[in-house]
Amino acid sequence: MSVLLKLALGMDWISQQMGRLASWTVLAAALISAGNAFVRYGLDISSNGWLEIQWYMFAATVMLGAPVVLKLNEHVRVDIFYGKLKGNGPVYVDLFGLIVFLLPVMATIAWLSWPLFIGMFRSGEMSNNAGGLIRWPAMMLLPLGFALMFLQGLSEVIKRIAYLQGKFQMDMHYEKPVQ
């Protein structure tokens, strides 16, 4: 197996792990939300920090979960023509979309969000809300999430090229190297 294909499969593994972490953030957000509702309405105690941590958990769910969604080919796609394509047609459409749209956009947003994260981290910026949280952990999810999405996109490009070369088998939800 080629080095690039091994790197692609390594990125797939990282995306799977981040997806698992993202699934736990859904549970954490639900529990925090329920606890916050109980405390707010049952005990008449409130804190903006509880609301903000829910937003942080949601951000983690989206930013860490998106790469595994791409890996599983479960992302949103306009399927007007894609579903009617035969043979290698869908692979070429995927390659075009990944190379022309996904990779440049993910790289750009990761690059542009990095200085925002660094600025918040250095300044220790806090939420303006009473009882609010520090902001850099949420901001860190932007460059991290978009970088992970870029790397998963690169993995998808490598796997599709390997597929076209007959070195990789692809199905909609299951992929494995050709032995």
N, C-alpha and C. Protein backbone atom coordinates (compact mmCIF):
# COMPACT_ATOMS: atom_id res chain seq x y z
N MET A 1 0.85 -1.17 0.00
CA MET A 1 0.00 0.00 0.00
C MET A 1 0.90 1.23 0.00
N SER A 2 0.52 2.23 -0.77
CA SER A 2 1.35 3.42 -0.90
C SER A 2 1.34 4.22 0.39
N VAL A 3 2.36 5.05 0.53
CA VAL A 3 2.48 5.89 1.72
C VAL A 3 1.30 6.86 1.80
N LEU A 4 0.91 7.43 0.66
CA LEU A 4 -0.22 8.37 0.67
C LEU A 4 -1.52 7.69 1.11
N LEU A 5 -1.72 6.47 0.66
CA LEU A 5 -2.92 5.75 1.05
C LEU A 5 -2.89 5.42 2.55
N LYS A 6 -1.71 5.08 3.06
CA LYS A 6 -1.59 4.85 4.50
C LYS A 6 -1.88 6.12 5.29
N LEU A 7 -1.40 7.27 4.79
CA LEU A 7 -1.70 8.54 5.44
C LEU A 7 -3.20 8.83 5.39
N ALA A 8 -3.83 8.53 4.25
CA ALA A 8 -5.28 8.74 4.12
C ALA A 8 -6.03 7.88 5.13
N LEU A 9 -5.64 6.64 5.26
CA LEU A 9 -6.31 5.75 6.22
C LEU A 9 -6.03 6.18 7.66
N GLY A 10 -4.85 6.75 7.90
CA GLY A 10 -4.55 7.31 9.22
C GLY A 10 -5.45 8.50 9.54
N MET A 11 -5.68 9.34 8.53
CA MET A 11 -6.58 10.47 8.72
C MET A 11 -8.00 9.98 8.95
N ASP A 12 -8.39 8.93 8.27
CA ASP A 12 -9.71 8.34 8.49
C ASP A 12 -9.85 7.91 9.95
N TRP A 13 -8.80 7.31 10.49
CA TRP A 13 -8.82 6.86 11.89
C TRP A 13 -8.98 8.06 12.82
N ILE A 14 -8.23 9.13 12.55
CA ILE A 14 -8.34 10.34 13.37
C ILE A 14 -9.76 10.89 13.30
N SER A 15 -10.33 10.93 12.10
CA SER A 15 -11.71 11.42 11.95
C SER A 15 -12.68 10.56 12.73
N GLN A 16 -12.48 9.24 12.71
CA GLN A 16 -13.34 8.34 13.49
C GLN A 16 -13.26 8.67 14.98
N GLN A 17 -12.06 8.91 15.47
CA GLN A 17 -11.88 9.22 16.89
C GLN A 17 -12.52 10.56 17.24
N MET A 18 -12.36 11.54 16.38
CA MET A 18 -12.99 12.84 16.60
C MET A 18 -14.51 12.72 16.53
N GLY A 19 -15.00 11.85 15.67
CA GLY A 19 -16.44 11.60 15.58
C GLY A 19 -16.97 10.99 16.86
N ARG A 20 -16.19 10.09 17.45
CA ARG A 20 -16.60 9.50 18.74
C ARG A 20 -16.65 10.58 19.81
N LEU A 21 -15.63 11.43 19.83
CA LEU A 21 -15.62 12.53 20.79
C LEU A 21 -16.82 13.45 20.56
N ALA A 22 -17.12 13.74 19.31
CA ALA A 22 -18.27 14.59 18.98
C ALA A 22 -19.57 13.97 19.46
N SER A 23 -19.68 12.66 19.36
CA SER A 23 -20.92 12.02 19.83
C SER A 23 -21.06 12.16 21.34
N TRP A 24 -19.95 12.15 22.06
CA TRP A 24 -20.02 12.36 23.51
C TRP A 24 -20.38 13.81 23.85
N THR A 25 -19.99 14.75 22.98
CA THR A 25 -20.36 16.14 23.25
C THR A 25 -21.87 16.35 23.09
N VAL A 26 -22.50 15.55 22.23
CA VAL A 26 -23.96 15.63 22.11
C VAL A 26 -24.60 15.21 23.44
N LEU A 27 -24.13 14.11 24.00
CA LEU A 27 -24.65 13.65 25.28
C LEU A 27 -24.38 14.69 26.37
N ALA A 28 -23.16 15.21 26.41
CA ALA A 28 -22.82 16.22 27.42
C ALA A 28 -23.71 17.45 27.29
N ALA A 29 -23.93 17.90 26.07
CA ALA A 29 -24.78 19.08 25.86
C ALA A 29 -26.21 18.80 26.32
N ALA A 30 -26.71 17.61 26.03
CA ALA A 30 -28.07 17.27 26.45
C ALA A 30 -28.18 17.22 27.97
N LEU A 31 -27.20 16.63 28.63
CA LEU A 31 -27.22 16.55 30.09
C LEU A 31 -27.09 17.94 30.72
N ILE A 32 -26.20 18.75 30.17
CA ILE A 32 -26.03 20.11 30.69
C ILE A 32 -27.31 20.92 30.47
N SER A 33 -27.92 20.75 29.32
CA SER A 33 -29.16 21.46 29.02
C SER A 33 -30.27 21.06 29.99
N ALA A 34 -30.39 19.77 30.23
CA ALA A 34 -31.41 19.29 31.16
C ALA A 34 -31.13 19.79 32.58
N GLY A 35 -29.88 19.69 32.98
CA GLY A 35 -29.50 20.18 34.31
C GLY A 35 -29.73 21.67 34.46
N ASN A 36 -29.39 22.41 33.41
CA ASN A 36 -29.58 23.85 33.43
C ASN A 36 -31.06 24.20 33.53
N ALA A 37 -31.89 23.50 32.78
CA ALA A 37 -33.34 23.75 32.83
C ALA A 37 -33.89 23.45 34.23
N PHE A 38 -33.44 22.35 34.82
CA PHE A 38 -33.90 21.99 36.17
C PHE A 38 -33.50 23.06 37.18
N VAL A 39 -32.23 23.46 37.13
CA VAL A 39 -31.73 24.44 38.09
C VAL A 39 -32.40 25.80 37.87
N ARG A 40 -32.58 26.18 36.62
CA ARG A 40 -33.16 27.49 36.30
C ARG A 40 -34.63 27.56 36.69
N TYR A 41 -35.40 26.54 36.31
CA TYR A 41 -36.84 26.60 36.55
C TYR A 41 -37.27 25.92 37.84
N GLY A 42 -36.50 24.94 38.28
CA GLY A 42 -36.87 24.24 39.51
C GLY A 42 -36.34 24.92 40.76
N LEU A 43 -35.14 25.47 40.67
CA LEU A 43 -34.52 26.07 41.85
C LEU A 43 -34.36 27.59 41.73
N ASP A 44 -34.75 28.11 40.58
CA ASP A 44 -34.67 29.56 40.31
C ASP A 44 -33.24 30.09 40.46
N ILE A 45 -32.27 29.29 39.99
CA ILE A 45 -30.86 29.70 39.98
C ILE A 45 -30.42 29.69 38.52
N SER A 46 -29.61 30.67 38.16
CA SER A 46 -29.24 30.76 36.75
C SER A 46 -27.77 31.17 36.59
N SER A 47 -27.18 30.73 35.50
CA SER A 47 -25.82 31.14 35.16
C SER A 47 -25.68 31.11 33.64
N ASN A 48 -25.15 32.18 33.09
CA ASN A 48 -24.91 32.22 31.65
C ASN A 48 -23.83 31.22 31.23
N GLY A 49 -22.97 30.87 32.17
CA GLY A 49 -21.93 29.89 31.88
C GLY A 49 -22.50 28.57 31.41
N TRP A 50 -23.63 28.15 32.00
CA TRP A 50 -24.26 26.89 31.59
C TRP A 50 -24.78 26.97 30.17
N LEU A 51 -25.34 28.11 29.79
CA LEU A 51 -25.81 28.28 28.41
C LEU A 51 -24.62 28.28 27.45
N GLU A 52 -23.56 28.96 27.84
CA GLU A 52 -22.40 29.06 26.95
C GLU A 52 -21.71 27.72 26.78
N ILE A 53 -21.63 26.91 27.83
CA ILE A 53 -20.99 25.60 27.67
C ILE A 53 -21.80 24.72 26.73
N GLN A 54 -23.13 24.91 26.70
CA GLN A 54 -23.95 24.18 25.72
C GLN A 54 -23.56 24.59 24.30
N TRP A 55 -23.35 25.88 24.10
CA TRP A 55 -22.94 26.37 22.77
C TRP A 55 -21.57 25.81 22.41
N TYR A 56 -20.68 25.73 23.39
CA TYR A 56 -19.34 25.17 23.14
C TYR A 56 -19.46 23.70 22.74
N MET A 57 -20.33 22.97 23.44
CA MET A 57 -20.52 21.56 23.13
C MET A 57 -21.10 21.39 21.72
N PHE A 58 -22.04 22.25 21.36
CA PHE A 58 -22.60 22.19 20.01
C PHE A 58 -21.53 22.47 18.97
N ALA A 59 -20.69 23.47 19.24
CA ALA A 59 -19.59 23.79 18.32
C ALA A 59 -18.65 22.60 18.19
N ALA A 60 -18.35 21.94 19.29
CA ALA A 60 -17.48 20.76 19.25
C ALA A 60 -18.13 19.63 18.46
N THR A 61 -19.44 19.46 18.64
CA THR A 61 -20.15 18.43 17.90
C THR A 61 -20.01 18.64 16.40
N VAL A 62 -20.25 19.87 15.96
CA VAL A 62 -20.21 20.18 14.53
C VAL A 62 -18.78 20.13 13.99
N MET A 63 -17.87 20.82 14.65
CA MET A 63 -16.52 20.97 14.11
C MET A 63 -15.71 19.67 14.19
N LEU A 64 -15.93 18.87 15.20
CA LEU A 64 -15.20 17.61 15.31
C LEU A 64 -15.92 16.46 14.60
N GLY A 65 -17.22 16.59 14.42
CA GLY A 65 -17.99 15.53 13.77
C GLY A 65 -18.04 15.63 12.26
N ALA A 66 -17.85 16.82 11.71
CA ALA A 66 -17.95 17.00 10.26
C ALA A 66 -16.98 16.13 9.46
N PRO A 67 -15.72 15.99 9.87
CA PRO A 67 -14.82 15.15 9.06
C PRO A 67 -15.26 13.69 8.94
N VAL A 68 -15.81 13.12 10.00
CA VAL A 68 -16.26 11.73 9.90
C VAL A 68 -17.50 11.63 9.03
N VAL A 69 -18.32 12.66 9.01
CA VAL A 69 -19.48 12.68 8.12
C VAL A 69 -19.00 12.65 6.66
N LEU A 70 -17.96 13.42 6.35
CA LEU A 70 -17.38 13.40 5.01
C LEU A 70 -16.79 12.03 4.71
N LYS A 71 -16.07 11.46 5.67
CA LYS A 71 -15.46 10.14 5.47
C LYS A 71 -16.51 9.09 5.16
N LEU A 72 -17.65 9.16 5.84
CA LEU A 72 -18.73 8.18 5.64
C LEU A 72 -19.59 8.49 4.42
N ASN A 73 -19.27 9.58 3.74
CA ASN A 73 -20.02 10.00 2.54
C ASN A 73 -21.48 10.29 2.89
N GLU A 74 -21.70 10.84 4.08
CA GLU A 74 -23.05 11.16 4.55
C GLU A 74 -23.32 12.65 4.52
N HIS A 75 -22.43 13.41 3.92
CA HIS A 75 -22.59 14.86 3.86
C HIS A 75 -23.70 15.25 2.89
N VAL A 76 -24.17 16.47 3.03
CA VAL A 76 -25.23 16.98 2.16
C VAL A 76 -24.66 17.22 0.77
N ARG A 77 -25.39 16.76 -0.22
CA ARG A 77 -24.95 16.90 -1.62
C ARG A 77 -26.20 17.14 -2.45
N VAL A 78 -26.08 18.02 -3.43
CA VAL A 78 -27.18 18.22 -4.37
C VAL A 78 -27.11 17.04 -5.34
N ASP A 79 -28.11 16.18 -5.27
CA ASP A 79 -28.06 14.89 -5.94
C ASP A 79 -28.84 14.87 -7.26
N ILE A 80 -28.97 16.01 -7.91
CA ILE A 80 -29.74 16.06 -9.15
C ILE A 80 -29.09 15.19 -10.23
N PHE A 81 -27.79 15.34 -10.41
CA PHE A 81 -27.08 14.59 -11.45
C PHE A 81 -26.26 13.44 -10.87
N TYR A 82 -25.76 13.63 -9.67
CA TYR A 82 -24.83 12.68 -9.06
C TYR A 82 -25.42 11.27 -9.01
N GLY A 83 -26.67 11.16 -8.60
CA GLY A 83 -27.31 9.85 -8.46
C GLY A 83 -27.52 9.13 -9.78
N LYS A 84 -27.51 9.88 -10.88
CA LYS A 84 -27.73 9.28 -12.20
C LYS A 84 -26.44 8.89 -12.89
N LEU A 85 -25.31 9.26 -12.31
CA LEU A 85 -24.02 8.96 -12.93
C LEU A 85 -23.69 7.48 -12.78
N LYS A 86 -23.05 6.93 -13.80
CA LYS A 86 -22.66 5.52 -13.81
C LYS A 86 -21.14 5.40 -13.81
N GLY A 87 -20.67 4.23 -13.47
CA GLY A 87 -19.24 3.94 -13.52
C GLY A 87 -18.44 4.84 -12.58
N ASN A 88 -17.39 5.46 -13.14
CA ASN A 88 -16.53 6.33 -12.35
C ASN A 88 -17.04 7.77 -12.29
N GLY A 89 -18.16 8.06 -12.89
CA GLY A 89 -18.70 9.41 -12.90
C GLY A 89 -18.80 10.05 -11.52
N PRO A 90 -19.39 9.34 -10.54
CA PRO A 90 -19.48 9.95 -9.20
C PRO A 90 -18.10 10.24 -8.59
N VAL A 91 -17.13 9.40 -8.89
CA VAL A 91 -15.78 9.60 -8.35
C VAL A 91 -15.18 10.89 -8.92
N TYR A 92 -15.37 11.12 -10.21
CA TYR A 92 -14.86 12.34 -10.83
C TYR A 92 -15.58 13.58 -10.29
N VAL A 93 -16.87 13.47 -10.08
CA VAL A 93 -17.61 14.60 -9.50
C VAL A 93 -17.10 14.88 -8.08
N ASP A 94 -16.89 13.82 -7.30
CA ASP A 94 -16.35 13.99 -5.95
C ASP A 94 -14.99 14.67 -5.99
N LEU A 95 -14.12 14.18 -6.87
CA LEU A 95 -12.78 14.78 -6.98
C LEU A 95 -12.86 16.26 -7.32
N PHE A 96 -13.72 16.59 -8.28
CA PHE A 96 -13.88 17.99 -8.66
C PHE A 96 -14.34 18.82 -7.46
N GLY A 97 -15.36 18.36 -6.77
CA GLY A 97 -15.88 19.10 -5.62
C GLY A 97 -14.86 19.23 -4.49
N LEU A 98 -14.15 18.14 -4.24
CA LEU A 98 -13.15 18.17 -3.17
C LEU A 98 -12.01 19.12 -3.48
N ILE A 99 -11.50 19.04 -4.71
CA ILE A 99 -10.32 19.83 -5.08
C ILE A 99 -10.66 21.30 -5.33
N VAL A 100 -11.77 21.55 -5.99
CA VAL A 100 -12.11 22.93 -6.39
C VAL A 100 -12.82 23.68 -5.27
N PHE A 101 -13.63 23.01 -4.48
CA PHE A 101 -14.43 23.71 -3.48
C PHE A 101 -13.98 23.42 -2.04
N LEU A 102 -14.03 22.16 -1.63
CA LEU A 102 -13.81 21.84 -0.23
C LEU A 102 -12.41 22.22 0.26
N LEU A 103 -11.38 21.72 -0.40
CA LEU A 103 -10.02 21.95 0.08
C LEU A 103 -9.65 23.44 0.15
N PRO A 104 -9.90 24.22 -0.89
CA PRO A 104 -9.54 25.65 -0.78
C PRO A 104 -10.32 26.39 0.31
N VAL A 105 -11.60 26.09 0.45
CA VAL A 105 -12.40 26.78 1.45
C VAL A 105 -11.96 26.38 2.86
N MET A 106 -11.75 25.10 3.11
CA MET A 106 -11.33 24.65 4.44
C MET A 106 -9.96 25.21 4.80
N ALA A 107 -9.04 25.21 3.85
CA ALA A 107 -7.70 25.77 4.11
C ALA A 107 -7.79 27.26 4.43
N THR A 108 -8.59 27.98 3.66
CA THR A 108 -8.72 29.42 3.87
C THR A 108 -9.33 29.74 5.23
N ILE A 109 -10.40 29.05 5.57
CA ILE A 109 -11.05 29.35 6.86
C ILE A 109 -10.16 28.93 8.03
N ALA A 110 -9.48 27.81 7.91
CA ALA A 110 -8.55 27.40 8.98
C ALA A 110 -7.45 28.45 9.15
N TRP A 111 -6.92 28.91 8.04
CA TRP A 111 -5.84 29.91 8.05
C TRP A 111 -6.33 31.23 8.66
N LEU A 112 -7.50 31.68 8.27
CA LEU A 112 -8.03 32.96 8.74
C LEU A 112 -8.50 32.90 10.20
N SER A 113 -8.94 31.74 10.66
CA SER A 113 -9.44 31.64 12.03
C SER A 113 -8.30 31.45 13.05
N TRP A 114 -7.14 31.01 12.61
CA TRP A 114 -6.02 30.79 13.52
C TRP A 114 -5.63 32.06 14.29
N PRO A 115 -5.43 33.21 13.60
CA PRO A 115 -5.07 34.42 14.36
C PRO A 115 -6.17 34.86 15.35
N LEU A 116 -7.42 34.61 15.03
CA LEU A 116 -8.50 34.94 15.96
C LEU A 116 -8.38 34.11 17.23
N PHE A 117 -8.11 32.83 17.06
CA PHE A 117 -7.92 31.95 18.21
C PHE A 117 -6.72 32.40 19.04
N ILE A 118 -5.59 32.67 18.38
CA ILE A 118 -4.37 33.08 19.09
C ILE A 118 -4.63 34.38 19.86
N GLY A 119 -5.31 35.33 19.24
CA GLY A 119 -5.62 36.59 19.91
C GLY A 119 -6.46 36.39 21.16
N MET A 120 -7.47 35.54 21.06
CA MET A 120 -8.33 35.26 22.22
C MET A 120 -7.57 34.50 23.30
N PHE A 121 -6.72 33.58 22.87
CA PHE A 121 -5.95 32.80 23.83
C PHE A 121 -4.99 33.70 24.61
N ARG A 122 -4.27 34.55 23.89
CA ARG A 122 -3.30 35.44 24.54
C ARG A 122 -3.97 36.44 25.46
N SER A 123 -5.11 36.96 25.05
CA SER A 123 -5.77 38.00 25.85
C SER A 123 -6.62 37.42 26.98
N GLY A 124 -6.94 36.13 26.88
CA GLY A 124 -7.82 35.53 27.88
C GLY A 124 -9.22 36.10 27.81
N GLU A 125 -9.64 36.47 26.60
CA GLU A 125 -10.94 37.11 26.41
C GLU A 125 -12.06 36.31 27.05
N MET A 126 -12.92 37.06 27.73
CA MET A 126 -14.07 36.46 28.42
C MET A 126 -15.35 36.90 27.74
N SER A 127 -16.38 36.13 27.91
CA SER A 127 -17.71 36.50 27.44
C SER A 127 -18.16 37.77 28.16
N ASN A 128 -18.91 38.61 27.48
CA ASN A 128 -19.44 39.82 28.10
C ASN A 128 -20.60 39.54 29.04
N ASN A 129 -21.15 38.33 28.97
CA ASN A 129 -22.28 37.97 29.82
C ASN A 129 -21.82 37.72 31.25
N ALA A 130 -22.66 38.08 32.20
CA ALA A 130 -22.36 37.80 33.60
C ALA A 130 -22.26 36.29 33.79
N GLY A 131 -21.18 35.84 34.39
CA GLY A 131 -20.97 34.41 34.59
C GLY A 131 -20.53 33.69 33.34
N GLY A 132 -20.15 34.45 32.30
CA GLY A 132 -19.74 33.85 31.04
C GLY A 132 -18.37 33.20 31.12
N LEU A 133 -18.05 32.46 30.11
CA LEU A 133 -16.82 31.67 30.07
C LEU A 133 -15.74 32.35 29.24
N ILE A 134 -14.53 31.81 29.35
CA ILE A 134 -13.46 32.27 28.46
C ILE A 134 -13.81 31.82 27.04
N ARG A 135 -13.38 32.59 26.06
CA ARG A 135 -13.82 32.32 24.69
C ARG A 135 -12.86 31.49 23.86
N TRP A 136 -11.60 31.40 24.25
CA TRP A 136 -10.65 30.73 23.36
C TRP A 136 -10.95 29.25 23.13
N PRO A 137 -11.50 28.51 24.08
CA PRO A 137 -11.77 27.10 23.76
C PRO A 137 -12.76 26.94 22.59
N ALA A 138 -13.77 27.79 22.55
CA ALA A 138 -14.72 27.73 21.44
C ALA A 138 -14.05 28.18 20.15
N MET A 139 -13.25 29.23 20.23
CA MET A 139 -12.58 29.73 19.03
C MET A 139 -11.54 28.72 18.52
N MET A 140 -10.94 27.95 19.41
CA MET A 140 -9.96 26.94 19.00
C MET A 140 -10.61 25.89 18.11
N LEU A 141 -11.90 25.65 18.30
CA LEU A 141 -12.59 24.66 17.49
C LEU A 141 -12.65 25.04 16.01
N LEU A 142 -12.59 26.34 15.71
CA LEU A 142 -12.64 26.75 14.30
C LEU A 142 -11.41 26.31 13.52
N PRO A 143 -10.19 26.76 13.88
CA PRO A 143 -9.05 26.29 13.08
C PRO A 143 -8.86 24.78 13.17
N LEU A 144 -9.12 24.21 14.34
CA LEU A 144 -8.97 22.76 14.49
C LEU A 144 -9.96 22.01 13.61
N GLY A 145 -11.21 22.39 13.68
CA GLY A 145 -12.25 21.70 12.91
C GLY A 145 -12.05 21.85 11.41
N PHE A 146 -11.73 23.06 10.96
CA PHE A 146 -11.53 23.26 9.53
C PHE A 146 -10.25 22.58 9.04
N ALA A 147 -9.22 22.53 9.88
CA ALA A 147 -8.00 21.80 9.51
C ALA A 147 -8.28 20.30 9.42
N LEU A 148 -9.03 19.77 10.37
CA LEU A 148 -9.40 18.35 10.30
C LEU A 148 -10.24 18.05 9.07
N MET A 149 -11.14 18.96 8.74
CA MET A 149 -11.97 18.79 7.55
C MET A 149 -11.11 18.84 6.28
N PHE A 150 -10.12 19.73 6.25
CA PHE A 150 -9.19 19.81 5.12
C PHE A 150 -8.44 18.48 4.98
N LEU A 151 -7.93 17.97 6.09
CA LEU A 151 -7.16 16.72 6.04
C LEU A 151 -8.04 15.54 5.62
N GLN A 152 -9.29 15.52 6.08
CA GLN A 152 -10.19 14.45 5.65
C GLN A 152 -10.51 14.59 4.17
N GLY A 153 -10.66 15.82 3.71
CA GLY A 153 -10.87 16.06 2.28
C GLY A 153 -9.69 15.57 1.47
N LEU A 154 -8.49 15.82 1.96
CA LEU A 154 -7.28 15.32 1.29
C LEU A 154 -7.27 13.80 1.28
N SER A 155 -7.69 13.20 2.38
CA SER A 155 -7.79 11.74 2.45
C SER A 155 -8.76 11.22 1.40
N GLU A 156 -9.89 11.91 1.24
CA GLU A 156 -10.88 11.49 0.25
C GLU A 156 -10.33 11.61 -1.18
N VAL A 157 -9.57 12.65 -1.44
CA VAL A 157 -8.94 12.81 -2.76
C VAL A 157 -7.98 11.65 -3.02
N ILE A 158 -7.14 11.35 -2.04
CA ILE A 158 -6.15 10.26 -2.19
C ILE A 158 -6.87 8.93 -2.44
N LYS A 159 -7.92 8.65 -1.66
CA LYS A 159 -8.63 7.38 -1.82
C LYS A 159 -9.32 7.29 -3.17
N ARG A 160 -9.88 8.39 -3.66
CA ARG A 160 -10.55 8.34 -4.96
C ARG A 160 -9.56 8.17 -6.10
N ILE A 161 -8.41 8.79 -5.99
CA ILE A 161 -7.38 8.59 -7.02
C ILE A 161 -6.89 7.15 -6.97
N ALA A 162 -6.68 6.62 -5.76
CA ALA A 162 -6.27 5.22 -5.63
C ALA A 162 -7.35 4.29 -6.19
N TYR A 163 -8.60 4.62 -5.98
CA TYR A 163 -9.70 3.83 -6.54
C TYR A 163 -9.63 3.83 -8.07
N LEU A 164 -9.43 4.99 -8.67
CA LEU A 164 -9.34 5.08 -10.13
C LEU A 164 -8.14 4.30 -10.67
N GLN A 165 -7.10 4.16 -9.85
CA GLN A 165 -5.92 3.39 -10.24
C GLN A 165 -6.06 1.90 -9.92
N GLY A 166 -7.19 1.51 -9.33
CA GLY A 166 -7.41 0.12 -8.98
C GLY A 166 -6.70 -0.33 -7.72
N LYS A 167 -6.28 0.60 -6.88
CA LYS A 167 -5.55 0.27 -5.66
C LYS A 167 -6.39 0.38 -4.40
N PHE A 168 -7.67 0.71 -4.57
CA PHE A 168 -8.54 0.92 -3.41
C PHE A 168 -9.97 0.61 -3.81
N GLN A 169 -10.69 -0.10 -2.94
CA GLN A 169 -12.09 -0.40 -3.21
C GLN A 169 -12.95 0.58 -2.42
N MET A 170 -13.95 1.11 -3.09
CA MET A 170 -14.83 2.06 -2.41
C MET A 170 -16.28 1.60 -2.53
N ASP A 171 -16.98 1.77 -1.46
CA ASP A 171 -18.41 1.60 -1.42
C ASP A 171 -18.94 2.86 -0.74
N MET A 172 -20.22 3.04 -0.67
CA MET A 172 -20.75 4.25 -0.07
C MET A 172 -20.36 4.38 1.40
N HIS A 173 -20.26 3.27 2.15
CA HIS A 173 -19.98 3.35 3.57
C HIS A 173 -18.81 2.49 4.01
N TYR A 174 -18.20 1.79 3.12
CA TYR A 174 -17.13 0.89 3.54
C TYR A 174 -15.99 1.00 2.55
N GLU A 175 -14.82 1.22 3.06
CA GLU A 175 -13.66 1.37 2.19
C GLU A 175 -12.54 0.46 2.71
N LYS A 176 -11.78 -0.10 1.79
CA LYS A 176 -10.63 -0.88 2.22
C LYS A 176 -9.62 -0.94 1.08
N PRO A 177 -8.35 -1.05 1.44
CA PRO A 177 -7.32 -1.16 0.38
C PRO A 177 -7.46 -2.49 -0.36
N VAL A 178 -7.08 -2.47 -1.61
CA VAL A 178 -7.06 -3.71 -2.39
C VAL A 178 -5.86 -4.52 -1.91
N GLN A 179 -6.07 -5.79 -1.66
CA GLN A 179 -4.98 -6.66 -1.19
C GLN A 179 -4.14 -7.16 -2.33
